[in-house]
Amino acid sequence: MTVDEKDVREHLCRWQTILRLRDWDIRVRIVGANWRKSGDIKIDQDDRKAVLLVNRRPKCENLEELIIHELLHLKLYGMDQMIEELLSIVYGWEKDPKKEFANTQFMKLLESTVEDLTKGYLAAIKSPRSLSFGRLQNQIEKEVGNR
């Protein structure tokens, strides 16, 4: 799939309203270089600004799923930052295996929660598009090839 900025903006406008993020200024940037991610979001919480980064050729097959996913990261960003700061207070600011373990577990939980919420929103709107298996498909390709 090749991403069209117009499609990104349409999905962004729709989901900004649904997720109650209209008070955020969000720019779209299509990333054309060889980038390993399908999407990301950079956030300035104090100024309520964000930049939605979307790979021109994402690994995912469902652009709407990608947009919802990244906007949910924006929605949960305050809690994300609070937990990261709490881990630093509890374990210190230096590298600590316990801190790294706790952070890894938190990030896995955050990512799976965002994925579950994304799937729930897509199901609620009865999206005709199938879920993206791009990341999982790449992992399978690396392990077993095109057998």
C-alpha atoms as a PDB file:
ATOM      1  CA  MET A   1       0.000   0.000   0.000  1.00  0.00           C
ATOM      2  CA  THR A   2       1.185   3.522  -0.799  1.00  0.00           C
ATOM      3  CA  VAL A   3      -0.169   6.246   1.471  1.00  0.00           C
ATOM      4  CA  ASP A   4      -1.960   9.301   0.124  1.00  0.00           C
ATOM      5  CA  GLU A   5      -1.778  12.369   2.396  1.00  0.00           C
ATOM      6  CA  LYS A   6      -5.395  13.243   1.573  1.00  0.00           C
ATOM      7  CA  ASP A   7      -6.548   9.860   2.932  1.00  0.00           C
ATOM      8  CA  VAL A   8      -4.466  10.354   6.084  1.00  0.00           C
ATOM      9  CA  ARG A   9      -6.036  13.776   6.659  1.00  0.00           C
ATOM     10  CA  GLU A  10      -9.572  12.403   6.159  1.00  0.00           C
ATOM     11  CA  HIS A  11      -9.047   9.650   8.715  1.00  0.00           C
ATOM     12  CA  LEU A  12      -7.312  12.070  11.070  1.00  0.00           C
ATOM     13  CA  CYS A  13     -10.208  14.538  10.944  1.00  0.00           C
ATOM     14  CA  ARG A  14     -12.788  11.810  11.575  1.00  0.00           C
ATOM     15  CA  TRP A  15     -10.925  10.154  14.456  1.00  0.00           C
ATOM     16  CA  GLN A  16      -9.848  13.397  16.101  1.00  0.00           C
ATOM     17  CA  THR A  17     -13.559  14.071  16.581  1.00  0.00           C
ATOM     18  CA  ILE A  18     -14.470  10.558  17.719  1.00  0.00           C
ATOM     19  CA  LEU A  19     -11.578  10.398  20.216  1.00  0.00           C
ATOM     20  CA  ARG A  20     -12.282  13.918  21.497  1.00  0.00           C
ATOM     21  CA  LEU A  21      -8.914  15.281  20.356  1.00  0.00           C
ATOM     22  CA  ARG A  22     -10.231  18.345  18.478  1.00  0.00           C
ATOM     23  CA  ASP A  23      -8.395  20.639  20.909  1.00  0.00           C
ATOM     24  CA  TRP A  24      -5.067  19.325  19.594  1.00  0.00           C
ATOM     25  CA  ASP A  25      -3.226  20.808  16.633  1.00  0.00           C
ATOM     26  CA  ILE A  26      -1.987  17.822  14.652  1.00  0.00           C
ATOM     27  CA  ARG A  27       0.220  18.018  11.578  1.00  0.00           C
ATOM     28  CA  VAL A  28       0.691  15.154   9.154  1.00  0.00           C
ATOM     29  CA  ARG A  29       4.098  14.220   7.817  1.00  0.00           C
ATOM     30  CA  ILE A  30       4.515  11.456   5.268  1.00  0.00           C
ATOM     31  CA  VAL A  31       7.898   9.790   5.705  1.00  0.00           C
ATOM     32  CA  GLY A  32       9.383   8.727   2.405  1.00  0.00           C
ATOM     33  CA  ALA A  33      12.755   7.414   3.501  1.00  0.00           C
ATOM     34  CA  ASN A  34      13.426   3.784   4.356  1.00  0.00           C
ATOM     35  CA  TRP A  35      11.750   3.860   7.770  1.00  0.00           C
ATOM     36  CA  ARG A  36      11.151   0.718   9.824  1.00  0.00           C
ATOM     37  CA  LYS A  37       7.884   1.932  11.400  1.00  0.00           C
ATOM     38  CA  SER A  38       4.455   2.228   9.797  1.00  0.00           C
ATOM     39  CA  GLY A  39       3.582   5.233  11.933  1.00  0.00           C
ATOM     40  CA  ASP A  40       4.444   7.238  15.015  1.00  0.00           C
ATOM     41  CA  ILE A  41       3.295  10.348  16.802  1.00  0.00           C
ATOM     42  CA  LYS A  42       5.462  13.036  18.371  1.00  0.00           C
ATOM     43  CA  ILE A  43       3.758  14.969  21.137  1.00  0.00           C
ATOM     44  CA  ASP A  44       4.115  18.329  22.886  1.00  0.00           C
ATOM     45  CA  GLN A  45       1.597  17.894  25.681  1.00  0.00           C
ATOM     46  CA  ASP A  46       2.059  21.366  27.179  1.00  0.00           C
ATOM     47  CA  ASP A  47       1.263  23.094  23.881  1.00  0.00           C
ATOM     48  CA  ARG A  48      -1.248  20.433  22.752  1.00  0.00           C
ATOM     49  CA  LYS A  49       0.512  19.924  19.439  1.00  0.00           C
ATOM     50  CA  ALA A  50       1.471  16.706  17.729  1.00  0.00           C
ATOM     51  CA  VAL A  51       2.995  15.501  14.479  1.00  0.00           C
ATOM     52  CA  LEU A  52       1.556  12.318  13.023  1.00  0.00           C
ATOM     53  CA  LEU A  53       4.273  10.491  11.087  1.00  0.00           C
ATOM     54  CA  VAL A  54       3.083   7.979   8.495  1.00  0.00           C
ATOM     55  CA  ASN A  55       5.321   5.816   6.359  1.00  0.00           C
ATOM     56  CA  ARG A  56       4.643   6.337   2.649  1.00  0.00           C
ATOM     57  CA  ARG A  57       4.780   2.529   2.316  1.00  0.00           C
ATOM     58  CA  PRO A  58       3.658   1.202   5.710  1.00  0.00           C
ATOM     59  CA  LYS A  59       3.893  -2.437   6.678  1.00  0.00           C
ATOM     60  CA  CYS A  60       0.220  -2.364   7.683  1.00  0.00           C
ATOM     61  CA  GLU A  61      -2.578  -2.802   5.153  1.00  0.00           C
ATOM     62  CA  ASN A  62      -5.230  -0.710   6.922  1.00  0.00           C
ATOM     63  CA  LEU A  63      -4.527   3.038   7.018  1.00  0.00           C
ATOM     64  CA  GLU A  64      -7.502   3.810   9.264  1.00  0.00           C
ATOM     65  CA  GLU A  65      -6.237   1.265  11.810  1.00  0.00           C
ATOM     66  CA  LEU A  66      -2.827   2.965  11.762  1.00  0.00           C
ATOM     67  CA  ILE A  67      -4.330   6.432  12.340  1.00  0.00           C
ATOM     68  CA  ILE A  68      -6.544   5.251  15.210  1.00  0.00           C
ATOM     69  CA  HIS A  69      -3.604   3.461  16.808  1.00  0.00           C
ATOM     70  CA  GLU A  70      -1.378   6.544  16.771  1.00  0.00           C
ATOM     71  CA  LEU A  71      -4.174   8.827  18.021  1.00  0.00           C
ATOM     72  CA  LEU A  72      -4.800   6.465  20.927  1.00  0.00           C
ATOM     73  CA  HIS A  73      -1.141   6.870  21.861  1.00  0.00           C
ATOM     74  CA  LEU A  74      -1.822  10.610  21.926  1.00  0.00           C
ATOM     75  CA  LYS A  75      -4.912  10.063  24.080  1.00  0.00           C
ATOM     76  CA  LEU A  76      -2.937   7.941  26.580  1.00  0.00           C
ATOM     77  CA  TYR A  77       0.255  10.024  26.488  1.00  0.00           C
ATOM     78  CA  GLY A  78      -0.276  11.664  29.889  1.00  0.00           C
ATOM     79  CA  MET A  79      -0.509   8.284  31.625  1.00  0.00           C
ATOM     80  CA  ASP A  80       2.450   7.007  29.617  1.00  0.00           C
ATOM     81  CA  GLN A  81       4.627   9.892  30.796  1.00  0.00           C
ATOM     82  CA  MET A  82       3.419   9.584  34.392  1.00  0.00           C
ATOM     83  CA  ILE A  83       4.402   5.887  34.537  1.00  0.00           C
ATOM     84  CA  GLU A  84       7.807   6.549  32.966  1.00  0.00           C
ATOM     85  CA  GLU A  85       8.502   9.311  35.492  1.00  0.00           C
ATOM     86  CA  LEU A  86       7.288   7.119  38.353  1.00  0.00           C
ATOM     87  CA  LEU A  87       9.669   4.346  37.263  1.00  0.00           C
ATOM     88  CA  SER A  88      12.537   6.837  37.309  1.00  0.00           C
ATOM     89  CA  ILE A  89      11.569   8.018  40.794  1.00  0.00           C
ATOM     90  CA  VAL A  90      11.302   4.451  42.113  1.00  0.00           C
ATOM     91  CA  TYR A  91      14.369   3.006  40.375  1.00  0.00           C
ATOM     92  CA  GLY A  92      16.476   6.120  39.841  1.00  0.00           C
ATOM     93  CA  TRP A  93      17.557   7.851  36.700  1.00  0.00           C
ATOM     94  CA  GLU A  94      20.498   5.552  35.970  1.00  0.00           C
ATOM     95  CA  LYS A  95      20.311   2.252  34.098  1.00  0.00           C
ATOM     96  CA  ASP A  96      18.871  -0.389  36.385  1.00  0.00           C
ATOM     97  CA  PRO A  97      17.785  -3.890  35.283  1.00  0.00           C
ATOM     98  CA  LYS A  98      14.655  -3.652  37.468  1.00  0.00           C
ATOM     99  CA  LYS A  99      13.708  -0.328  35.918  1.00  0.00           C
ATOM    100  CA  GLU A 100      14.332  -1.650  32.406  1.00  0.00           C
ATOM    101  CA  PHE A 101      12.219  -4.747  33.163  1.00  0.00           C
ATOM    102  CA  ALA A 102       9.348  -2.636  34.554  1.00  0.00           C
ATOM    103  CA  ASN A 103       9.545  -0.241  31.598  1.00  0.00           C
ATOM    104  CA  THR A 104       9.530  -3.098  29.079  1.00  0.00           C
ATOM    105  CA  GLN A 105       6.499  -4.678  30.744  1.00  0.00           C
ATOM    106  CA  PHE A 106       4.697  -1.337  30.814  1.00  0.00           C
ATOM    107  CA  MET A 107       5.435  -0.658  27.142  1.00  0.00           C
ATOM    108  CA  LYS A 108       4.183  -4.135  26.144  1.00  0.00           C
ATOM    109  CA  LEU A 109       0.994  -3.568  28.137  1.00  0.00           C
ATOM    110  CA  LEU A 110       0.532  -0.080  26.657  1.00  0.00           C
ATOM    111  CA  GLU A 111       1.000  -1.361  23.110  1.00  0.00           C
ATOM    112  CA  SER A 112      -1.386  -4.304  23.545  1.00  0.00           C
ATOM    113  CA  THR A 113      -3.984  -2.016  25.157  1.00  0.00           C
ATOM    114  CA  VAL A 114      -3.740   0.447  22.266  1.00  0.00           C
ATOM    115  CA  GLU A 115      -4.102  -2.445  19.804  1.00  0.00           C
ATOM    116  CA  ASP A 116      -7.174  -3.812  21.634  1.00  0.00           C
ATOM    117  CA  LEU A 117      -8.814  -0.383  21.714  1.00  0.00           C
ATOM    118  CA  THR A 118      -8.044   0.132  18.020  1.00  0.00           C
ATOM    119  CA  LYS A 119      -9.669  -3.194  17.131  1.00  0.00           C
ATOM    120  CA  GLY A 120     -12.653  -2.304  19.303  1.00  0.00           C
ATOM    121  CA  TYR A 121     -13.176   1.031  17.542  1.00  0.00           C
ATOM    122  CA  LEU A 122     -12.906  -0.618  14.130  1.00  0.00           C
ATOM    123  CA  ALA A 123     -15.435  -3.260  15.182  1.00  0.00           C
ATOM    124  CA  ALA A 124     -17.783  -0.606  16.589  1.00  0.00           C
ATOM    125  CA  ILE A 125     -17.892   1.235  13.252  1.00  0.00           C
ATOM    126  CA  LYS A 126     -18.185  -2.093  11.412  1.00  0.00           C
ATOM    127  CA  SER A 127     -15.116  -1.328   9.326  1.00  0.00           C
ATOM    128  CA  PRO A 128     -15.165  -3.323   6.097  1.00  0.00           C
ATOM    129  CA  ARG A 129     -11.349  -3.386   6.008  1.00  0.00           C
ATOM    130  CA  SER A 130      -9.575  -6.362   7.514  1.00  0.00           C
ATOM    131  CA  LEU A 131      -7.102  -5.890  10.336  1.00  0.00           C
ATOM    132  CA  SER A 132      -3.489  -5.429   9.389  1.00  0.00           C
ATOM    133  CA  PHE A 133      -1.197  -8.383   9.889  1.00  0.00           C
ATOM    134  CA  GLY A 134       1.783  -6.542   8.368  1.00  0.00           C
ATOM    135  CA  ARG A 135       4.102  -6.664  11.381  1.00  0.00           C
ATOM    136  CA  LEU A 136       3.276 -10.312  12.083  1.00  0.00           C
ATOM    137  CA  GLN A 137       3.539 -11.182   8.387  1.00  0.00           C
ATOM    138  CA  ASN A 138       7.055  -9.694   8.268  1.00  0.00           C
ATOM    139  CA  GLN A 139       8.062 -11.812  11.258  1.00  0.00           C
ATOM    140  CA  ILE A 140       6.711 -14.955   9.563  1.00  0.00           C
ATOM    141  CA  GLU A 141       8.532 -14.103   6.330  1.00  0.00           C
ATOM    142  CA  LYS A 142      11.824 -13.802   8.229  1.00  0.00           C
ATOM    143  CA  GLU A 143      11.311 -17.153   9.958  1.00  0.00           C
ATOM    144  CA  VAL A 144       9.850 -19.358   7.221  1.00  0.00           C
ATOM    145  CA  GLY A 145      10.110 -17.423   3.974  1.00  0.00           C
ATOM    146  CA  ASN A 146       7.577 -17.818   1.147  1.00  0.00           C
ATOM    147  CA  ARG A 147       6.965 -21.555   1.543  1.00  0.00           C
END
